[in-house]
Amino acid sequence: MLSLKDGPVMLNAQEWEVIEDIIPILKPFEVMTTELSGENYPTLAMVIPLVRGLHISLVSKQTRTYLGQLLKQKLLENLNSRFKLIEEQNPKPEFSRATLLDPRFKKLAFQHTINAENAEKSITDELSLLISEHLNEENSNISETPEIQTISNNEAVDLWSFLDDKLNTERTQVTSEIKANRFLDQTQNTAG
């Protein structure tokens, strides 16, 4: 490069030392970027474990130069500010749900078990709601009780309808929650 007329200025020993110090800090970012850039496999479930792994990797890196220490500190600050809420289903729950449902990670990928439990509850609640809606649709299509005969003013009177409604609602709710829990357990057990 020295023989080139318009060649770049050569780096001095101190600049080479900084570069050698920074490369190990940046290498985990390259690996993470490659992992999350996959087109042939889903990557959403990998975000939480990779962010956690990136954080652990950065913390463990030893730097020898001031610029290396400064870069490491800034990268950790940015990583924390950008991704600290991702495990807590904030701003969106998709990351934690996908991680929990992925048989490779399940609850192990979460830093805090409460976040994994909240994601599990979120999934169970949503499944329960979907099953409940499905059961309500089926129940509305099939009339279980005969219609009550009318009295003189032609209005139906059924003293037990409130109890029937409450019982059907309770059955639907319990059944849908049980089915949601079973489905989630099956999903986690088949891969584990």
C-alpha atoms as a PDB file:
ATOM      1  CA  MET A   1       0.000   0.000   0.000  1.00  0.00           C
ATOM      2  CA  LEU A   2       2.951   2.326   0.580  1.00  0.00           C
ATOM      3  CA  SER A   3       3.950   2.055  -3.070  1.00  0.00           C
ATOM      4  CA  LEU A   4       0.537   3.316  -4.267  1.00  0.00           C
ATOM      5  CA  LYS A   5       0.451   6.981  -5.186  1.00  0.00           C
ATOM      6  CA  ASP A   6      -3.028   7.637  -3.720  1.00  0.00           C
ATOM      7  CA  GLY A   7      -2.963   4.801  -1.201  1.00  0.00           C
ATOM      8  CA  PRO A   8      -4.448   5.202   2.275  1.00  0.00           C
ATOM      9  CA  VAL A   9      -2.299   6.309   5.153  1.00  0.00           C
ATOM     10  CA  MET A  10      -0.976   3.342   7.062  1.00  0.00           C
ATOM     11  CA  LEU A  11      -2.322   2.651  10.518  1.00  0.00           C
ATOM     12  CA  ASN A  12       0.039   3.084  13.425  1.00  0.00           C
ATOM     13  CA  ALA A  13       0.598   0.502  16.155  1.00  0.00           C
ATOM     14  CA  GLN A  14      -1.897   2.101  18.532  1.00  0.00           C
ATOM     15  CA  GLU A  15      -4.667   2.069  15.889  1.00  0.00           C
ATOM     16  CA  TRP A  16      -3.970  -1.589  15.119  1.00  0.00           C
ATOM     17  CA  GLU A  17      -4.243  -2.353  18.839  1.00  0.00           C
ATOM     18  CA  VAL A  18      -7.651  -0.625  18.983  1.00  0.00           C
ATOM     19  CA  ILE A  19      -8.844  -2.578  15.938  1.00  0.00           C
ATOM     20  CA  GLU A  20      -7.659  -5.852  17.454  1.00  0.00           C
ATOM     21  CA  ASP A  21      -9.436  -4.907  20.698  1.00  0.00           C
ATOM     22  CA  ILE A  22     -12.724  -4.023  18.967  1.00  0.00           C
ATOM     23  CA  ILE A  23     -13.038  -7.024  16.634  1.00  0.00           C
ATOM     24  CA  PRO A  24     -13.986  -9.507  19.423  1.00  0.00           C
ATOM     25  CA  ILE A  25     -16.616  -7.023  20.678  1.00  0.00           C
ATOM     26  CA  LEU A  26     -18.222  -6.718  17.240  1.00  0.00           C
ATOM     27  CA  LYS A  27     -18.036 -10.425  16.313  1.00  0.00           C
ATOM     28  CA  PRO A  28     -21.173 -11.415  18.342  1.00  0.00           C
ATOM     29  CA  PHE A  29     -23.152  -8.760  16.448  1.00  0.00           C
ATOM     30  CA  GLU A  30     -22.110 -10.336  13.168  1.00  0.00           C
ATOM     31  CA  VAL A  31     -23.182 -13.780  14.389  1.00  0.00           C
ATOM     32  CA  MET A  32     -26.520 -12.454  15.651  1.00  0.00           C
ATOM     33  CA  THR A  33     -27.184 -10.609  12.398  1.00  0.00           C
ATOM     34  CA  THR A  34     -26.470 -13.755  10.393  1.00  0.00           C
ATOM     35  CA  GLU A  35     -28.760 -15.856  12.613  1.00  0.00           C
ATOM     36  CA  LEU A  36     -31.646 -13.379  12.383  1.00  0.00           C
ATOM     37  CA  SER A  37     -31.235 -12.947   8.637  1.00  0.00           C
ATOM     38  CA  GLY A  38     -32.315 -16.488   7.866  1.00  0.00           C
ATOM     39  CA  GLU A  39     -34.919 -16.790   5.140  1.00  0.00           C
ATOM     40  CA  ASN A  40     -35.494 -20.533   5.278  1.00  0.00           C
ATOM     41  CA  TYR A  41     -36.499 -20.770   8.933  1.00  0.00           C
ATOM     42  CA  PRO A  42     -38.506 -18.662  11.384  1.00  0.00           C
ATOM     43  CA  THR A  43     -36.391 -16.283  13.442  1.00  0.00           C
ATOM     44  CA  LEU A  44     -38.884 -14.551  15.752  1.00  0.00           C
ATOM     45  CA  ALA A  45     -38.390 -17.090  18.548  1.00  0.00           C
ATOM     46  CA  MET A  46     -34.633 -16.562  18.377  1.00  0.00           C
ATOM     47  CA  VAL A  47     -34.669 -12.855  19.254  1.00  0.00           C
ATOM     48  CA  ILE A  48     -34.886 -13.160  23.052  1.00  0.00           C
ATOM     49  CA  PRO A  49     -32.235 -15.907  23.391  1.00  0.00           C
ATOM     50  CA  LEU A  50     -29.897 -14.150  20.959  1.00  0.00           C
ATOM     51  CA  VAL A  51     -30.253 -10.785  22.695  1.00  0.00           C
ATOM     52  CA  ARG A  52     -29.598 -12.471  26.018  1.00  0.00           C
ATOM     53  CA  GLY A  53     -26.596 -14.327  24.581  1.00  0.00           C
ATOM     54  CA  LEU A  54     -25.290 -11.115  23.032  1.00  0.00           C
ATOM     55  CA  HIS A  55     -25.522  -9.341  26.380  1.00  0.00           C
ATOM     56  CA  ILE A  56     -23.700 -12.150  28.192  1.00  0.00           C
ATOM     57  CA  SER A  57     -21.039 -12.256  25.472  1.00  0.00           C
ATOM     58  CA  LEU A  58     -20.427  -8.503  25.647  1.00  0.00           C
ATOM     59  CA  VAL A  59     -20.178  -8.498  29.430  1.00  0.00           C
ATOM     60  CA  SER A  60     -17.600 -11.301  29.320  1.00  0.00           C
ATOM     61  CA  LYS A  61     -15.329  -9.562  26.769  1.00  0.00           C
ATOM     62  CA  GLN A  62     -12.144  -8.061  28.200  1.00  0.00           C
ATOM     63  CA  THR A  63     -10.853  -4.893  26.562  1.00  0.00           C
ATOM     64  CA  ARG A  64      -7.333  -3.479  26.728  1.00  0.00           C
ATOM     65  CA  THR A  65      -7.825  -0.035  25.219  1.00  0.00           C
ATOM     66  CA  TYR A  66      -9.828   2.986  26.252  1.00  0.00           C
ATOM     67  CA  LEU A  67     -11.732   3.015  22.942  1.00  0.00           C
ATOM     68  CA  GLY A  68     -12.519  -0.698  23.350  1.00  0.00           C
ATOM     69  CA  GLN A  69     -13.895  -0.074  26.843  1.00  0.00           C
ATOM     70  CA  LEU A  70     -15.922   2.900  25.631  1.00  0.00           C
ATOM     71  CA  LEU A  71     -17.374   0.953  22.696  1.00  0.00           C
ATOM     72  CA  LYS A  72     -18.265  -1.984  24.948  1.00  0.00           C
ATOM     73  CA  GLN A  73     -19.983   0.338  27.431  1.00  0.00           C
ATOM     74  CA  LYS A  74     -21.971   2.135  24.704  1.00  0.00           C
ATOM     75  CA  LEU A  75     -23.020  -1.122  23.050  1.00  0.00           C
ATOM     76  CA  LEU A  76     -24.241  -2.527  26.373  1.00  0.00           C
ATOM     77  CA  GLU A  77     -26.173   0.678  27.114  1.00  0.00           C
ATOM     78  CA  ASN A  78     -27.816   0.615  23.688  1.00  0.00           C
ATOM     79  CA  LEU A  79     -28.604  -3.083  23.952  1.00  0.00           C
ATOM     80  CA  ASN A  80     -30.255  -2.547  27.330  1.00  0.00           C
ATOM     81  CA  SER A  81     -32.238   0.505  26.252  1.00  0.00           C
ATOM     82  CA  ARG A  82     -33.491  -1.083  23.025  1.00  0.00           C
ATOM     83  CA  PHE A  83     -34.235  -4.619  24.209  1.00  0.00           C
ATOM     84  CA  LYS A  84     -34.832  -4.478  27.965  1.00  0.00           C
ATOM     85  CA  LEU A  85     -38.621  -4.769  27.602  1.00  0.00           C
ATOM     86  CA  ILE A  86     -38.745  -7.356  24.820  1.00  0.00           C
ATOM     87  CA  GLU A  87     -38.845 -10.264  27.267  1.00  0.00           C
ATOM     88  CA  GLU A  88     -41.684  -8.600  29.188  1.00  0.00           C
ATOM     89  CA  GLN A  89     -43.984  -8.703  26.141  1.00  0.00           C
ATOM     90  CA  ASN A  90     -43.473  -5.026  25.599  1.00  0.00           C
ATOM     91  CA  PRO A  91     -44.120  -3.384  23.184  1.00  0.00           C
ATOM     92  CA  LYS A  92     -45.456  -6.548  21.536  1.00  0.00           C
ATOM     93  CA  PRO A  93     -45.967 -10.023  22.990  1.00  0.00           C
ATOM     94  CA  GLU A  94     -44.971 -11.906  19.833  1.00  0.00           C
ATOM     95  CA  PHE A  95     -41.310 -12.269  20.773  1.00  0.00           C
ATOM     96  CA  SER A  96     -41.918 -13.830  24.181  1.00  0.00           C
ATOM     97  CA  ARG A  97     -44.754 -16.022  22.883  1.00  0.00           C
ATOM     98  CA  ALA A  98     -42.684 -17.316  19.984  1.00  0.00           C
ATOM     99  CA  THR A  99     -39.735 -18.035  22.278  1.00  0.00           C
ATOM    100  CA  LEU A 100     -41.918 -19.860  24.793  1.00  0.00           C
ATOM    101  CA  LEU A 101     -43.571 -21.987  22.112  1.00  0.00           C
ATOM    102  CA  ASP A 102     -40.297 -22.874  20.390  1.00  0.00           C
ATOM    103  CA  PRO A 103     -39.316 -26.346  21.631  1.00  0.00           C
ATOM    104  CA  ARG A 104     -35.627 -25.430  21.539  1.00  0.00           C
ATOM    105  CA  PHE A 105     -36.007 -22.630  24.073  1.00  0.00           C
ATOM    106  CA  LYS A 106     -39.264 -22.848  26.060  1.00  0.00           C
ATOM    107  CA  LYS A 107     -38.809 -21.127  29.417  1.00  0.00           C
ATOM    108  CA  LEU A 108     -35.028 -21.622  29.470  1.00  0.00           C
ATOM    109  CA  ALA A 109     -34.352 -18.679  27.158  1.00  0.00           C
ATOM    110  CA  PHE A 110     -35.888 -16.136  29.517  1.00  0.00           C
ATOM    111  CA  GLN A 111     -33.698 -14.253  31.927  1.00  0.00           C
ATOM    112  CA  HIS A 112     -36.537 -13.880  34.437  1.00  0.00           C
ATOM    113  CA  THR A 113     -38.963 -16.756  35.036  1.00  0.00           C
ATOM    114  CA  ILE A 114     -41.794 -14.309  35.751  1.00  0.00           C
ATOM    115  CA  ASN A 115     -41.586 -13.142  32.136  1.00  0.00           C
ATOM    116  CA  ALA A 116     -41.888 -16.730  30.890  1.00  0.00           C
ATOM    117  CA  GLU A 117     -44.857 -17.300  33.201  1.00  0.00           C
ATOM    118  CA  ASN A 118     -46.527 -14.105  31.969  1.00  0.00           C
ATOM    119  CA  ALA A 119     -46.021 -15.196  28.369  1.00  0.00           C
ATOM    120  CA  GLU A 120     -47.495 -18.606  29.185  1.00  0.00           C
ATOM    121  CA  LYS A 121     -50.499 -16.992  30.883  1.00  0.00           C
ATOM    122  CA  SER A 122     -50.958 -14.689  27.913  1.00  0.00           C
ATOM    123  CA  ILE A 123     -51.026 -17.639  25.516  1.00  0.00           C
ATOM    124  CA  THR A 124     -53.347 -19.622  27.764  1.00  0.00           C
ATOM    125  CA  ASP A 125     -55.742 -16.671  28.099  1.00  0.00           C
ATOM    126  CA  GLU A 126     -55.829 -16.111  24.358  1.00  0.00           C
ATOM    127  CA  LEU A 127     -56.364 -19.816  23.631  1.00  0.00           C
ATOM    128  CA  SER A 128     -59.057 -19.944  26.279  1.00  0.00           C
ATOM    129  CA  LEU A 129     -60.826 -16.974  24.692  1.00  0.00           C
ATOM    130  CA  LEU A 130     -60.652 -18.532  21.227  1.00  0.00           C
ATOM    131  CA  ILE A 131     -61.951 -21.889  22.481  1.00  0.00           C
ATOM    132  CA  SER A 132     -64.682 -20.129  24.450  1.00  0.00           C
ATOM    133  CA  GLU A 133     -65.787 -18.189  21.373  1.00  0.00           C
ATOM    134  CA  HIS A 134     -65.800 -21.389  19.355  1.00  0.00           C
ATOM    135  CA  LEU A 135     -67.881 -23.203  21.984  1.00  0.00           C
ATOM    136  CA  ASN A 136     -70.300 -20.276  22.189  1.00  0.00           C
ATOM    137  CA  GLU A 137     -70.777 -20.411  18.425  1.00  0.00           C
ATOM    138  CA  GLU A 138     -71.511 -24.118  18.642  1.00  0.00           C
ATOM    139  CA  ASN A 139     -73.912 -23.578  21.550  1.00  0.00           C
ATOM    140  CA  SER A 140     -75.775 -20.817  19.767  1.00  0.00           C
ATOM    141  CA  ASN A 141     -76.348 -23.104  16.798  1.00  0.00           C
ATOM    142  CA  ILE A 142     -77.763 -25.874  18.978  1.00  0.00           C
ATOM    143  CA  SER A 143     -80.638 -25.022  21.285  1.00  0.00           C
ATOM    144  CA  GLU A 144     -80.211 -27.046  24.469  1.00  0.00           C
ATOM    145  CA  THR A 145     -83.389 -26.022  26.312  1.00  0.00           C
ATOM    146  CA  PRO A 146     -86.876 -25.924  24.886  1.00  0.00           C
ATOM    147  CA  GLU A 147     -88.515 -22.557  24.655  1.00  0.00           C
ATOM    148  CA  ILE A 148     -90.694 -21.584  27.606  1.00  0.00           C
ATOM    149  CA  GLN A 149     -94.404 -21.206  26.989  1.00  0.00           C
ATOM    150  CA  THR A 150     -95.783 -17.719  27.220  1.00  0.00           C
ATOM    151  CA  ILE A 151     -98.143 -16.343  29.821  1.00  0.00           C
ATOM    152  CA  SER A 152    -101.112 -14.071  29.172  1.00  0.00           C
ATOM    153  CA  ASN A 153     -98.993 -11.071  28.120  1.00  0.00           C
ATOM    154  CA  ASN A 154     -97.109 -13.284  25.576  1.00  0.00           C
ATOM    155  CA  GLU A 155     -93.703 -12.901  27.278  1.00  0.00           C
ATOM    156  CA  ALA A 156     -91.561 -15.912  28.040  1.00  0.00           C
ATOM    157  CA  VAL A 157     -90.926 -16.538  31.703  1.00  0.00           C
ATOM    158  CA  ASP A 158     -88.102 -18.753  32.832  1.00  0.00           C
ATOM    159  CA  LEU A 159     -87.001 -18.494  36.409  1.00  0.00           C
ATOM    160  CA  TRP A 160     -84.021 -20.760  35.756  1.00  0.00           C
ATOM    161  CA  SER A 161     -82.591 -19.056  32.681  1.00  0.00           C
ATOM    162  CA  PHE A 162     -80.138 -16.951  34.689  1.00  0.00           C
ATOM    163  CA  LEU A 163     -78.740 -20.111  36.245  1.00  0.00           C
ATOM    164  CA  ASP A 164     -78.576 -21.928  32.896  1.00  0.00           C
ATOM    165  CA  ASP A 165     -76.761 -18.989  31.333  1.00  0.00           C
ATOM    166  CA  LYS A 166     -74.343 -18.743  34.223  1.00  0.00           C
ATOM    167  CA  LEU A 167     -73.716 -22.495  34.203  1.00  0.00           C
ATOM    168  CA  ASN A 168     -73.116 -22.530  30.430  1.00  0.00           C
ATOM    169  CA  THR A 169     -70.748 -19.574  30.736  1.00  0.00           C
ATOM    170  CA  GLU A 170     -68.869 -21.253  33.594  1.00  0.00           C
ATOM    171  CA  ARG A 171     -68.632 -24.564  31.700  1.00  0.00           C
ATOM    172  CA  THR A 172     -67.400 -22.804  28.602  1.00  0.00           C
ATOM    173  CA  GLN A 173     -64.838 -20.825  30.554  1.00  0.00           C
ATOM    174  CA  VAL A 174     -63.519 -23.813  32.514  1.00  0.00           C
ATOM    175  CA  THR A 175     -63.537 -26.062  29.456  1.00  0.00           C
ATOM    176  CA  SER A 176     -61.739 -23.529  27.297  1.00  0.00           C
ATOM    177  CA  GLU A 177     -59.104 -22.880  29.972  1.00  0.00           C
ATOM    178  CA  ILE A 178     -58.523 -26.606  30.448  1.00  0.00           C
ATOM    179  CA  LYS A 179     -58.242 -27.133  26.695  1.00  0.00           C
ATOM    180  CA  ALA A 180     -55.861 -24.183  26.373  1.00  0.00           C
ATOM    181  CA  ASN A 181     -53.651 -25.526  29.175  1.00  0.00           C
ATOM    182  CA  ARG A 182     -53.669 -29.034  27.682  1.00  0.00           C
ATOM    183  CA  PHE A 183     -52.774 -27.658  24.253  1.00  0.00           C
ATOM    184  CA  LEU A 184     -49.888 -25.634  25.668  1.00  0.00           C
ATOM    185  CA  ASP A 185     -48.668 -28.606  27.723  1.00  0.00           C
ATOM    186  CA  GLN A 186     -48.795 -30.871  24.656  1.00  0.00           C
ATOM    187  CA  THR A 187     -46.871 -28.337  22.619  1.00  0.00           C
ATOM    188  CA  GLN A 188     -44.155 -28.097  25.243  1.00  0.00           C
ATOM    189  CA  ASN A 189     -44.034 -31.838  26.031  1.00  0.00           C
ATOM    190  CA  THR A 190     -43.841 -33.116  22.467  1.00  0.00           C
ATOM    191  CA  ALA A 191     -40.677 -31.202  21.778  1.00  0.00           C
ATOM    192  CA  GLY A 192     -39.077 -31.717  25.170  1.00  0.00           C
END
